[in-house]
Amino acid sequence: GKRVVRYAGRCIAVVACLFKHSCVPNCAYRIEYARAPMIGCTAAPPNLTIEALTRIPEHSPLTLCFLPSLHYPAAARRAELQARGLLPCGCLRCELQEERGGGPKSPKGGGGGGLGA
């Protein structure tokens, strides 16, 4: 029979690429997958929905969190962003946490995730 392979953890979302990362995001995303109408039919591509979490002032950047967990300390979040080839986060959460000396320990083997995880 035909083998079906599903990938998890990554997607190409052209619109979401325009967003900046923040550990205090002003937007959130969800990915909805359509079901194939019949066996053998190709399902429609996933639908990415982005919603504002708060009122966003005009000309302010739209931000999403690209990390699997915000419970990591600031240094671990920075390392995860760097491993993904992203710029370091300069959000208020990271700055305050660094001033206070870190945060909770990150789990062993953390990582993965990101947009679409």
N, C-alpha and C. Protein backbone atom coordinates (compact mmCIF):
# COMPACT_ATOMS: atom_id res chain seq x y z
N GLY A 1 0.80 -1.19 0.00
CA GLY A 1 0.00 0.00 0.00
C GLY A 1 0.85 1.25 0.00
N LYS A 2 0.18 2.34 -0.11
CA LYS A 2 0.82 3.64 -0.14
C LYS A 2 1.20 4.07 1.28
N ARG A 3 2.42 4.50 1.47
CA ARG A 3 2.88 4.92 2.79
C ARG A 3 2.60 6.42 2.97
N VAL A 4 1.98 6.77 4.08
CA VAL A 4 1.69 8.16 4.39
C VAL A 4 2.69 8.63 5.43
N VAL A 5 3.36 9.72 5.15
CA VAL A 5 4.35 10.27 6.07
C VAL A 5 3.85 11.63 6.54
N ARG A 6 3.83 11.81 7.84
CA ARG A 6 3.44 13.10 8.40
C ARG A 6 4.63 13.69 9.12
N TYR A 7 4.90 14.93 8.86
CA TYR A 7 6.00 15.62 9.51
C TYR A 7 5.44 16.50 10.62
N ALA A 8 6.15 16.57 11.72
CA ALA A 8 5.72 17.43 12.82
C ALA A 8 6.88 18.33 13.22
N GLY A 9 6.56 19.53 13.67
CA GLY A 9 7.56 20.41 14.21
C GLY A 9 8.08 21.48 13.28
N ARG A 10 7.79 21.41 12.01
CA ARG A 10 8.28 22.43 11.08
C ARG A 10 7.20 22.73 10.04
N CYS A 11 7.19 23.96 9.59
CA CYS A 11 6.31 24.31 8.48
C CYS A 11 6.90 25.54 7.79
N ILE A 12 6.46 25.77 6.59
CA ILE A 12 6.85 26.98 5.87
C ILE A 12 5.62 27.87 5.88
N ALA A 13 5.73 28.96 6.59
CA ALA A 13 4.61 29.89 6.70
C ALA A 13 5.12 31.28 6.31
N VAL A 14 4.90 31.63 5.07
CA VAL A 14 5.45 32.87 4.52
C VAL A 14 5.01 34.08 5.35
N VAL A 15 3.76 34.16 5.72
CA VAL A 15 3.27 35.30 6.49
C VAL A 15 3.91 35.33 7.87
N ALA A 16 4.02 34.18 8.53
CA ALA A 16 4.60 34.12 9.88
C ALA A 16 6.07 34.52 9.88
N CYS A 17 6.74 34.38 8.75
CA CYS A 17 8.15 34.78 8.66
C CYS A 17 8.32 36.28 8.82
N LEU A 18 7.26 37.04 8.64
CA LEU A 18 7.33 38.48 8.78
C LEU A 18 7.25 38.92 10.24
N PHE A 19 6.91 38.01 11.13
CA PHE A 19 6.78 38.33 12.54
C PHE A 19 8.13 38.23 13.22
N LYS A 20 8.31 38.98 14.29
CA LYS A 20 9.52 38.89 15.11
C LYS A 20 9.25 37.92 16.25
N HIS A 21 10.33 37.37 16.81
CA HIS A 21 10.19 36.54 18.00
C HIS A 21 10.14 37.44 19.23
N SER A 22 9.35 37.03 20.21
CA SER A 22 9.36 37.66 21.53
C SER A 22 8.93 36.61 22.54
N CYS A 23 9.56 36.65 23.71
CA CYS A 23 9.13 35.80 24.82
C CYS A 23 7.92 36.40 25.52
N VAL A 24 7.50 37.59 25.08
CA VAL A 24 6.26 38.22 25.52
C VAL A 24 5.52 38.62 24.24
N PRO A 25 5.02 37.63 23.50
CA PRO A 25 4.43 37.91 22.19
C PRO A 25 3.11 38.67 22.30
N ASN A 26 2.82 39.45 21.26
CA ASN A 26 1.53 40.13 21.22
C ASN A 26 0.55 39.40 20.30
N CYS A 27 1.00 38.29 19.69
CA CYS A 27 0.15 37.46 18.84
C CYS A 27 0.38 35.99 19.16
N ALA A 28 -0.57 35.17 18.78
CA ALA A 28 -0.46 33.72 18.93
C ALA A 28 -0.90 33.08 17.63
N TYR A 29 -0.44 31.86 17.40
CA TYR A 29 -0.80 31.16 16.16
C TYR A 29 -1.39 29.79 16.47
N ARG A 30 -2.14 29.30 15.52
CA ARG A 30 -2.59 27.91 15.55
C ARG A 30 -2.60 27.40 14.12
N ILE A 31 -2.34 26.13 13.99
CA ILE A 31 -2.32 25.50 12.68
C ILE A 31 -3.44 24.47 12.64
N GLU A 32 -4.31 24.58 11.66
CA GLU A 32 -5.43 23.67 11.51
C GLU A 32 -5.21 22.84 10.25
N TYR A 33 -5.36 21.55 10.41
CA TYR A 33 -5.17 20.63 9.29
C TYR A 33 -6.52 20.16 8.79
N ALA A 34 -6.72 20.26 7.48
CA ALA A 34 -7.96 19.81 6.86
C ALA A 34 -7.89 18.30 6.64
N ARG A 35 -9.01 17.65 6.71
CA ARG A 35 -9.06 16.22 6.41
C ARG A 35 -9.32 16.01 4.94
N ALA A 36 -8.73 14.95 4.42
CA ALA A 36 -9.00 14.59 3.02
C ALA A 36 -10.45 14.12 2.92
N PRO A 37 -11.17 14.54 1.88
CA PRO A 37 -12.57 14.15 1.75
C PRO A 37 -12.77 12.65 1.55
N MET A 38 -11.86 11.98 0.85
CA MET A 38 -11.99 10.54 0.61
C MET A 38 -10.60 9.92 0.61
N ILE A 39 -10.55 8.62 0.81
CA ILE A 39 -9.27 7.91 0.76
C ILE A 39 -8.66 8.11 -0.63
N GLY A 40 -7.37 8.42 -0.65
CA GLY A 40 -6.69 8.64 -1.91
C GLY A 40 -6.69 10.08 -2.38
N CYS A 41 -7.52 10.93 -1.76
CA CYS A 41 -7.55 12.34 -2.13
C CYS A 41 -6.51 13.09 -1.31
N THR A 42 -5.96 14.11 -1.88
CA THR A 42 -4.98 14.93 -1.18
C THR A 42 -5.71 15.94 -0.31
N ALA A 43 -5.27 16.04 0.95
CA ALA A 43 -5.87 17.02 1.86
C ALA A 43 -5.43 18.42 1.47
N ALA A 44 -6.24 19.37 1.83
CA ALA A 44 -5.90 20.78 1.60
C ALA A 44 -4.70 21.14 2.46
N PRO A 45 -3.93 22.14 2.07
CA PRO A 45 -2.79 22.54 2.90
C PRO A 45 -3.27 23.05 4.26
N PRO A 46 -2.41 22.98 5.26
CA PRO A 46 -2.80 23.46 6.58
C PRO A 46 -3.14 24.95 6.54
N ASN A 47 -3.99 25.37 7.46
CA ASN A 47 -4.39 26.77 7.56
C ASN A 47 -3.74 27.37 8.80
N LEU A 48 -2.97 28.44 8.63
CA LEU A 48 -2.32 29.13 9.73
C LEU A 48 -3.17 30.33 10.11
N THR A 49 -3.57 30.39 11.38
CA THR A 49 -4.34 31.51 11.88
C THR A 49 -3.51 32.23 12.93
N ILE A 50 -3.39 33.54 12.79
CA ILE A 50 -2.65 34.34 13.76
C ILE A 50 -3.62 35.35 14.35
N GLU A 51 -3.64 35.42 15.69
CA GLU A 51 -4.55 36.31 16.40
C GLU A 51 -3.78 37.21 17.35
N ALA A 52 -4.24 38.43 17.50
CA ALA A 52 -3.64 39.36 18.46
C ALA A 52 -4.04 38.93 19.87
N LEU A 53 -3.09 38.97 20.80
CA LEU A 53 -3.35 38.64 22.20
C LEU A 53 -3.72 39.88 23.00
N THR A 54 -3.40 41.03 22.46
CA THR A 54 -3.62 42.29 23.14
C THR A 54 -3.82 43.37 22.09
N ARG A 55 -4.20 44.54 22.52
CA ARG A 55 -4.30 45.67 21.59
C ARG A 55 -2.87 46.05 21.18
N ILE A 56 -2.62 46.16 19.89
CA ILE A 56 -1.27 46.43 19.39
C ILE A 56 -1.26 47.84 18.81
N PRO A 57 -0.42 48.71 19.39
CA PRO A 57 -0.36 50.08 18.87
C PRO A 57 0.10 50.12 17.40
N GLU A 58 -0.39 51.10 16.68
CA GLU A 58 -0.02 51.27 15.28
C GLU A 58 1.50 51.37 15.14
N HIS A 59 2.06 50.72 14.13
CA HIS A 59 3.49 50.71 13.80
C HIS A 59 4.32 49.87 14.78
N SER A 60 3.68 49.18 15.71
CA SER A 60 4.42 48.28 16.61
C SER A 60 4.66 46.96 15.89
N PRO A 61 5.79 46.31 16.17
CA PRO A 61 6.03 45.02 15.51
C PRO A 61 5.05 43.95 16.00
N LEU A 62 4.68 43.06 15.10
CA LEU A 62 3.87 41.90 15.46
C LEU A 62 4.82 40.80 15.88
N THR A 63 4.57 40.19 17.03
CA THR A 63 5.50 39.20 17.56
C THR A 63 4.81 37.89 17.88
N LEU A 64 5.57 36.80 17.70
CA LEU A 64 5.15 35.45 18.06
C LEU A 64 6.27 34.83 18.89
N CYS A 65 5.95 33.83 19.68
CA CYS A 65 6.98 33.09 20.39
C CYS A 65 7.35 31.89 19.52
N PHE A 66 8.62 31.78 19.14
CA PHE A 66 9.09 30.69 18.28
C PHE A 66 9.70 29.55 19.08
N LEU A 67 9.56 29.57 20.39
CA LEU A 67 10.19 28.56 21.24
C LEU A 67 9.17 27.56 21.78
N PRO A 68 9.62 26.34 22.11
CA PRO A 68 8.70 25.33 22.62
C PRO A 68 8.24 25.60 24.04
N SER A 69 9.04 26.36 24.81
CA SER A 69 8.66 26.62 26.20
C SER A 69 9.27 27.93 26.67
N LEU A 70 8.47 28.70 27.40
CA LEU A 70 8.99 29.93 27.99
C LEU A 70 9.46 29.69 29.42
N HIS A 71 9.40 28.44 29.87
CA HIS A 71 9.83 28.12 31.23
C HIS A 71 11.35 27.97 31.32
N TYR A 72 12.04 27.97 30.19
CA TYR A 72 13.50 27.90 30.20
C TYR A 72 14.04 29.23 30.71
N PRO A 73 15.23 29.20 31.32
CA PRO A 73 15.85 30.48 31.69
C PRO A 73 16.23 31.27 30.43
N ALA A 74 16.45 32.55 30.59
CA ALA A 74 16.75 33.42 29.45
C ALA A 74 17.94 32.92 28.63
N ALA A 75 18.99 32.44 29.29
CA ALA A 75 20.18 31.96 28.57
C ALA A 75 19.84 30.75 27.70
N ALA A 76 18.98 29.85 28.18
CA ALA A 76 18.58 28.68 27.40
C ALA A 76 17.70 29.08 26.22
N ARG A 77 16.83 30.07 26.44
CA ARG A 77 15.99 30.56 25.33
C ARG A 77 16.87 31.20 24.25
N ARG A 78 17.87 31.97 24.69
CA ARG A 78 18.78 32.60 23.74
C ARG A 78 19.54 31.54 22.94
N ALA A 79 20.03 30.51 23.63
CA ALA A 79 20.76 29.43 22.95
C ALA A 79 19.88 28.72 21.94
N GLU A 80 18.62 28.48 22.29
CA GLU A 80 17.68 27.82 21.37
C GLU A 80 17.45 28.68 20.13
N LEU A 81 17.28 29.98 20.32
CA LEU A 81 17.10 30.88 19.18
C LEU A 81 18.34 30.88 18.29
N GLN A 82 19.52 30.91 18.91
CA GLN A 82 20.76 30.91 18.14
C GLN A 82 20.90 29.60 17.36
N ALA A 83 20.54 28.47 17.98
CA ALA A 83 20.62 27.17 17.30
C ALA A 83 19.70 27.12 16.09
N ARG A 84 18.64 27.89 16.11
CA ARG A 84 17.70 27.94 14.99
C ARG A 84 18.06 29.01 13.97
N GLY A 85 19.17 29.72 14.21
CA GLY A 85 19.61 30.76 13.28
C GLY A 85 18.81 32.04 13.40
N LEU A 86 18.19 32.26 14.56
CA LEU A 86 17.39 33.47 14.77
C LEU A 86 18.17 34.48 15.60
N LEU A 87 17.75 35.72 15.54
CA LEU A 87 18.39 36.77 16.32
C LEU A 87 18.07 36.60 17.80
N PRO A 88 18.96 37.06 18.69
CA PRO A 88 18.66 36.96 20.12
C PRO A 88 17.46 37.82 20.48
N CYS A 89 16.75 37.39 21.49
CA CYS A 89 15.56 38.11 21.95
C CYS A 89 15.99 39.24 22.88
N GLY A 90 15.39 40.39 22.71
CA GLY A 90 15.67 41.52 23.59
C GLY A 90 14.42 41.99 24.28
N CYS A 91 13.48 41.06 24.52
CA CYS A 91 12.21 41.45 25.13
C CYS A 91 12.39 41.74 26.62
N LEU A 92 11.41 42.38 27.20
CA LEU A 92 11.45 42.75 28.61
C LEU A 92 11.58 41.53 29.50
N ARG A 93 10.91 40.44 29.16
CA ARG A 93 10.99 39.21 29.96
C ARG A 93 12.44 38.72 30.06
N CYS A 94 13.15 38.68 28.94
CA CYS A 94 14.54 38.22 28.94
C CYS A 94 15.43 39.18 29.72
N GLU A 95 15.25 40.47 29.49
CA GLU A 95 16.07 41.47 30.20
C GLU A 95 15.88 41.38 31.70
N LEU A 96 14.63 41.31 32.15
CA LEU A 96 14.36 41.23 33.59
C LEU A 96 14.89 39.93 34.19
N GLN A 97 14.72 38.83 33.47
CA GLN A 97 15.19 37.55 33.98
C GLN A 97 16.71 37.52 34.08
N GLU A 98 17.39 38.10 33.12
CA GLU A 98 18.85 38.15 33.17
C GLU A 98 19.33 39.02 34.33
N GLU A 99 18.64 40.14 34.57
CA GLU A 99 18.99 41.00 35.70
C GLU A 99 18.84 40.28 37.03
N ARG A 100 17.84 39.42 37.11
CA ARG A 100 17.56 38.69 38.35
C ARG A 100 18.37 37.40 38.47
N GLY A 101 19.13 37.08 37.44
CA GLY A 101 20.01 35.92 37.52
C GLY A 101 19.45 34.62 37.01
N GLY A 102 18.67 34.65 35.95
CA GLY A 102 18.26 33.39 35.31
C GLY A 102 16.79 33.10 35.44
N GLY A 103 16.47 31.96 35.99
CA GLY A 103 15.09 31.49 36.07
C GLY A 103 15.10 30.01 36.32
N PRO A 104 14.00 29.34 36.09
CA PRO A 104 13.96 27.90 36.31
C PRO A 104 14.90 27.17 35.37
N LYS A 105 15.36 26.02 35.77
CA LYS A 105 16.28 25.22 34.95
C LYS A 105 15.52 24.67 33.75
N SER A 106 16.22 24.61 32.61
CA SER A 106 15.60 24.01 31.43
C SER A 106 15.69 22.51 31.53
N PRO A 107 14.71 21.78 30.98
CA PRO A 107 14.75 20.33 31.04
C PRO A 107 15.90 19.78 30.21
N LYS A 108 16.44 18.63 30.62
CA LYS A 108 17.51 17.98 29.84
C LYS A 108 16.97 17.64 28.46
N GLY A 109 17.81 17.87 27.47
CA GLY A 109 17.39 17.52 26.11
C GLY A 109 16.32 18.42 25.55
N GLY A 110 16.17 19.62 26.11
CA GLY A 110 15.16 20.55 25.62
C GLY A 110 15.44 20.91 24.18
N GLY A 111 14.50 21.53 23.56
CA GLY A 111 14.69 21.97 22.17
C GLY A 111 13.55 21.49 21.33
N GLY A 112 13.74 21.56 20.03
CA GLY A 112 12.69 21.19 19.11
C GLY A 112 11.60 22.25 19.13
N GLY A 113 10.48 21.92 18.55
CA GLY A 113 9.36 22.85 18.60
C GLY A 113 9.52 24.00 17.63
N GLY A 114 9.11 25.17 18.06
CA GLY A 114 9.13 26.34 17.20
C GLY A 114 7.80 26.46 16.50
N LEU A 115 7.75 27.25 15.50
CA LEU A 115 6.50 27.47 14.79
C LEU A 115 6.04 26.17 14.18
N GLY A 116 4.86 25.79 14.54
CA GLY A 116 4.30 24.55 13.99
C GLY A 116 4.52 23.35 14.87
N ALA A 117 5.17 23.51 15.99
CA ALA A 117 5.40 22.36 16.86
C ALA A 117 4.22 22.10 17.74
